[in-house]
Amino acid sequence: MTFEVFVISSVSRLQAAFSPEVAIDDRGGGRPVDAEKSSPVRNGLSVEEQRQVEVLRATDRKVRAHELAHIAAGAGLTGAASFTYQLGPDNQRYAVAGEVSIDISSGGDPEEAIAKAQQIRAAALAPADPSPQDRKVAALATKMEDSARQELASQGSAASQSVTDARVGGALAAYQAQADGPRSAGFSVFA
């Protein structure tokens, strides 16, 4: 018993655009051929230039999505995005880098500072692939939050101490009044 095996290879135009060694020859029934031997020009661009445009488009989408994630998570704390552009072989500008400014000043009271630090950290880490600079901003926000928590704890312990002092003072006064007897409390059994 003999089996014949046929391998069907299909290379899409998109795959050919990204693969430097393969291109599609329309005249040959869709057979892959060397890109070196066949350099069709489409829209005035060679295969290599078309490949560069596709890479630039993908980079542009990724950069814009990255910066948009910062802006969305930073709601109210971020400025507008600014981009660095590269001119493609098709004479179009493509974003290849970007940045968003963010207000990292501490808030008024410690509770506001904690909430703001958490929002800053969320904005910094919002993109799917945070950059080293994004991670630095997130670390700075964590330090800001820790500092605000320490301040809140010290305020809480000071307030707690004054409440404790008032309770102890009131208890001592009541105890002293009880120990001194009924006359010192301002009333008399015999009136």
Protein backbone atom coordinates (compact mmCIF):
# COMPACT_ATOMS: atom_id res chain seq x y z
CA MET A 1 0.00 0.00 0.00
CA THR A 2 1.44 3.32 -1.11
CA PHE A 3 0.44 6.77 0.03
CA GLU A 4 1.22 9.95 -1.77
CA VAL A 5 1.56 13.04 0.35
CA PHE A 6 1.08 16.49 -1.05
CA VAL A 7 2.24 19.48 0.90
CA ILE A 8 0.30 22.60 0.15
CA SER A 9 2.15 25.76 1.02
CA SER A 10 0.28 29.00 1.07
CA VAL A 11 2.08 32.28 1.56
CA SER A 12 -0.20 35.27 1.96
CA ARG A 13 0.70 38.67 0.61
CA LEU A 14 0.98 39.94 4.20
CA GLN A 15 3.36 37.14 5.14
CA ALA A 16 5.40 37.85 2.03
CA ALA A 17 5.61 41.51 2.98
CA PHE A 18 7.12 40.59 6.35
CA SER A 19 9.38 37.81 5.12
CA PRO A 20 12.44 39.22 3.33
CA GLU A 21 13.25 36.02 1.49
CA VAL A 22 9.78 35.25 0.13
CA ALA A 23 7.54 37.15 -2.28
CA ILE A 24 4.54 36.15 -4.36
CA ASP A 25 4.85 35.89 -8.12
CA ASP A 26 1.32 36.40 -9.48
CA ARG A 27 2.36 35.12 -12.90
CA GLY A 28 3.52 31.79 -11.50
CA GLY A 29 0.29 30.66 -9.88
CA GLY A 30 1.17 31.96 -6.44
CA ARG A 31 4.53 30.21 -6.19
CA PRO A 32 7.00 31.71 -3.69
CA VAL A 33 10.05 33.22 -5.38
CA ASP A 34 13.11 35.09 -4.19
CA ALA A 35 12.45 38.75 -3.43
CA GLU A 36 15.82 39.61 -4.94
CA LYS A 37 14.79 38.30 -8.37
CA SER A 38 11.37 39.92 -8.34
CA SER A 39 11.01 43.46 -7.02
CA PRO A 40 7.54 44.55 -8.03
CA VAL A 41 6.75 48.16 -7.37
CA ARG A 42 3.32 48.90 -5.93
CA ASN A 43 2.15 52.44 -5.14
CA GLY A 44 5.63 53.57 -6.08
CA LEU A 45 7.17 51.50 -3.27
CA SER A 46 9.42 48.47 -3.57
CA VAL A 47 8.74 45.34 -1.54
CA GLU A 48 11.37 46.41 1.00
CA GLU A 49 9.82 49.87 1.33
CA GLN A 50 6.36 48.33 1.77
CA ARG A 51 7.79 46.14 4.51
CA GLN A 52 9.27 49.22 6.22
CA VAL A 53 5.89 50.98 6.03
CA GLU A 54 4.15 47.99 7.66
CA VAL A 55 6.73 47.93 10.47
CA LEU A 56 6.35 51.68 10.99
CA ARG A 57 2.54 51.37 11.05
CA ALA A 58 2.73 48.64 13.68
CA THR A 59 5.14 50.71 15.77
CA ASP A 60 2.91 53.77 15.43
CA ARG A 61 -0.14 51.81 16.67
CA LYS A 62 1.82 50.37 19.59
CA VAL A 63 3.26 53.75 20.67
CA ARG A 64 -0.11 55.50 20.48
CA ALA A 65 -1.86 52.71 22.43
CA HIS A 66 0.88 52.86 25.09
CA GLU A 67 0.49 56.61 25.62
CA LEU A 68 -3.31 56.42 25.49
CA ALA A 69 -3.24 53.84 28.31
CA HIS A 70 -1.29 56.33 30.47
CA ILE A 71 -3.78 59.10 29.71
CA ALA A 72 -6.84 56.95 30.40
CA ALA A 73 -5.56 55.66 33.75
CA GLY A 74 -4.16 59.05 34.78
CA ALA A 75 -7.50 60.86 34.28
CA GLY A 76 -6.89 64.44 35.30
CA LEU A 77 -3.25 64.00 36.32
CA THR A 78 -1.79 63.60 32.84
CA GLY A 79 -1.09 66.06 30.08
CA ALA A 80 -1.41 65.48 26.38
CA ALA A 81 0.80 62.92 24.68
CA SER A 82 3.74 64.10 22.61
CA PHE A 83 5.35 61.93 19.96
CA THR A 84 8.64 61.56 18.13
CA TYR A 85 8.03 60.84 14.46
CA GLN A 86 9.92 59.08 11.70
CA LEU A 87 9.23 59.76 8.04
CA GLY A 88 8.46 56.55 6.17
CA PRO A 89 9.35 55.73 2.57
CA ASP A 90 5.76 56.71 1.68
CA ASN A 91 6.42 60.25 3.02
CA GLN A 92 4.04 59.72 5.96
CA ARG A 93 4.99 60.46 9.58
CA TYR A 94 4.86 57.53 12.00
CA ALA A 95 5.10 57.80 15.80
CA VAL A 96 8.14 55.85 16.97
CA ALA A 97 8.29 57.15 20.57
CA GLY A 98 6.02 59.06 22.89
CA GLU A 99 5.62 60.52 26.33
CA VAL A 100 2.91 61.82 28.62
CA SER A 101 3.53 64.24 31.47
CA ILE A 102 1.97 63.46 34.86
CA ASP A 103 1.52 65.60 37.96
CA ILE A 104 3.48 63.91 40.76
CA SER A 105 3.12 66.62 43.40
CA SER A 106 1.84 65.25 46.68
CA GLY A 107 -1.76 66.04 47.58
CA GLY A 108 -3.01 68.19 50.45
CA ASP A 109 -3.65 65.85 53.34
CA PRO A 110 -2.19 62.33 53.64
CA GLU A 111 -5.39 60.61 52.49
CA GLU A 112 -5.44 62.69 49.29
CA ALA A 113 -1.74 62.00 48.77
CA ILE A 114 -2.34 58.25 49.12
CA ALA A 115 -5.17 58.30 46.57
CA LYS A 116 -3.11 60.41 44.17
CA ALA A 117 -0.06 58.15 44.52
CA GLN A 118 -2.20 55.10 43.74
CA GLN A 119 -3.58 56.79 40.62
CA ILE A 120 -0.06 57.81 39.51
CA ARG A 121 1.17 54.24 39.92
CA ALA A 122 -1.86 52.88 38.02
CA ALA A 123 -1.24 55.37 35.19
CA ALA A 124 2.46 54.51 35.02
CA LEU A 125 1.80 50.77 34.83
CA ALA A 126 -1.33 50.98 32.63
CA PRO A 127 0.30 49.98 29.31
CA ALA A 128 0.67 46.29 28.56
CA ASP A 129 4.46 46.75 28.36
CA PRO A 130 5.61 49.47 30.80
CA SER A 131 8.94 51.07 29.89
CA PRO A 132 11.82 51.47 32.36
CA GLN A 133 10.77 55.12 32.80
CA ASP A 134 7.19 53.98 33.53
CA ARG A 135 8.53 51.65 36.23
CA LYS A 136 10.57 54.50 37.76
CA VAL A 137 7.46 56.68 38.00
CA ALA A 138 5.55 53.78 39.58
CA ALA A 139 8.34 53.32 42.15
CA LEU A 140 8.27 57.05 42.91
CA ALA A 141 4.49 56.84 43.42
CA THR A 142 4.97 53.91 45.81
CA LYS A 143 7.45 55.96 47.87
CA MET A 144 5.00 58.87 47.84
CA GLU A 145 2.23 56.59 49.11
CA ASP A 146 4.46 55.09 51.83
CA SER A 147 5.41 58.56 53.02
CA ALA A 148 1.77 59.65 53.14
CA ARG A 149 0.83 56.48 55.05
CA GLN A 150 3.55 57.18 57.62
CA GLU A 151 2.29 60.73 58.03
CA LEU A 152 -1.27 59.47 58.40
CA ALA A 153 -0.14 56.92 60.99
CA SER A 154 1.73 59.58 62.98
CA GLN A 155 -1.33 61.85 62.86
CA GLY A 156 -3.48 58.92 63.89
CA SER A 157 -1.23 58.05 66.81
CA ALA A 158 -1.14 61.70 67.93
CA ALA A 159 -4.94 61.92 67.75
CA SER A 160 -5.24 58.56 69.46
CA GLN A 161 -2.89 59.75 72.20
CA SER A 162 -4.97 62.90 72.84
CA VAL A 163 -8.17 60.80 73.02
CA THR A 164 -6.45 58.41 75.40
CA ASP A 165 -5.20 61.33 77.50
CA ALA A 166 -8.71 62.79 77.67
CA ARG A 167 -10.20 59.44 78.71
CA VAL A 168 -7.53 58.86 81.32
CA GLY A 169 -7.90 62.42 82.60
CA GLY A 170 -11.69 62.07 82.82
CA ALA A 171 -11.41 58.72 84.56
CA LEU A 172 -8.91 60.14 87.06
CA ALA A 173 -11.18 63.09 87.80
CA ALA A 174 -14.17 60.79 88.35
CA TYR A 175 -12.13 58.51 90.57
CA GLN A 176 -10.82 61.46 92.57
CA ALA A 177 -14.36 62.83 92.98
CA GLN A 178 -15.52 59.46 94.25
CA ALA A 179 -12.61 59.22 96.64
CA ASP A 180 -13.19 62.72 98.05
CA GLY A 181 -16.76 61.89 98.99
CA PRO A 182 -20.13 63.43 98.25
CA ARG A 183 -19.37 66.97 99.53
CA SER A 184 -16.62 67.64 97.06
CA ALA A 185 -18.89 66.62 94.24
CA GLY A 186 -21.07 69.71 94.89
CA PHE A 187 -23.99 68.23 96.74
CA SER A 188 -24.77 67.35 100.34
CA VAL A 189 -26.86 64.64 101.93
CA PHE A 190 -28.06 67.11 104.54
CA ALA A 191 -29.51 70.13 102.99
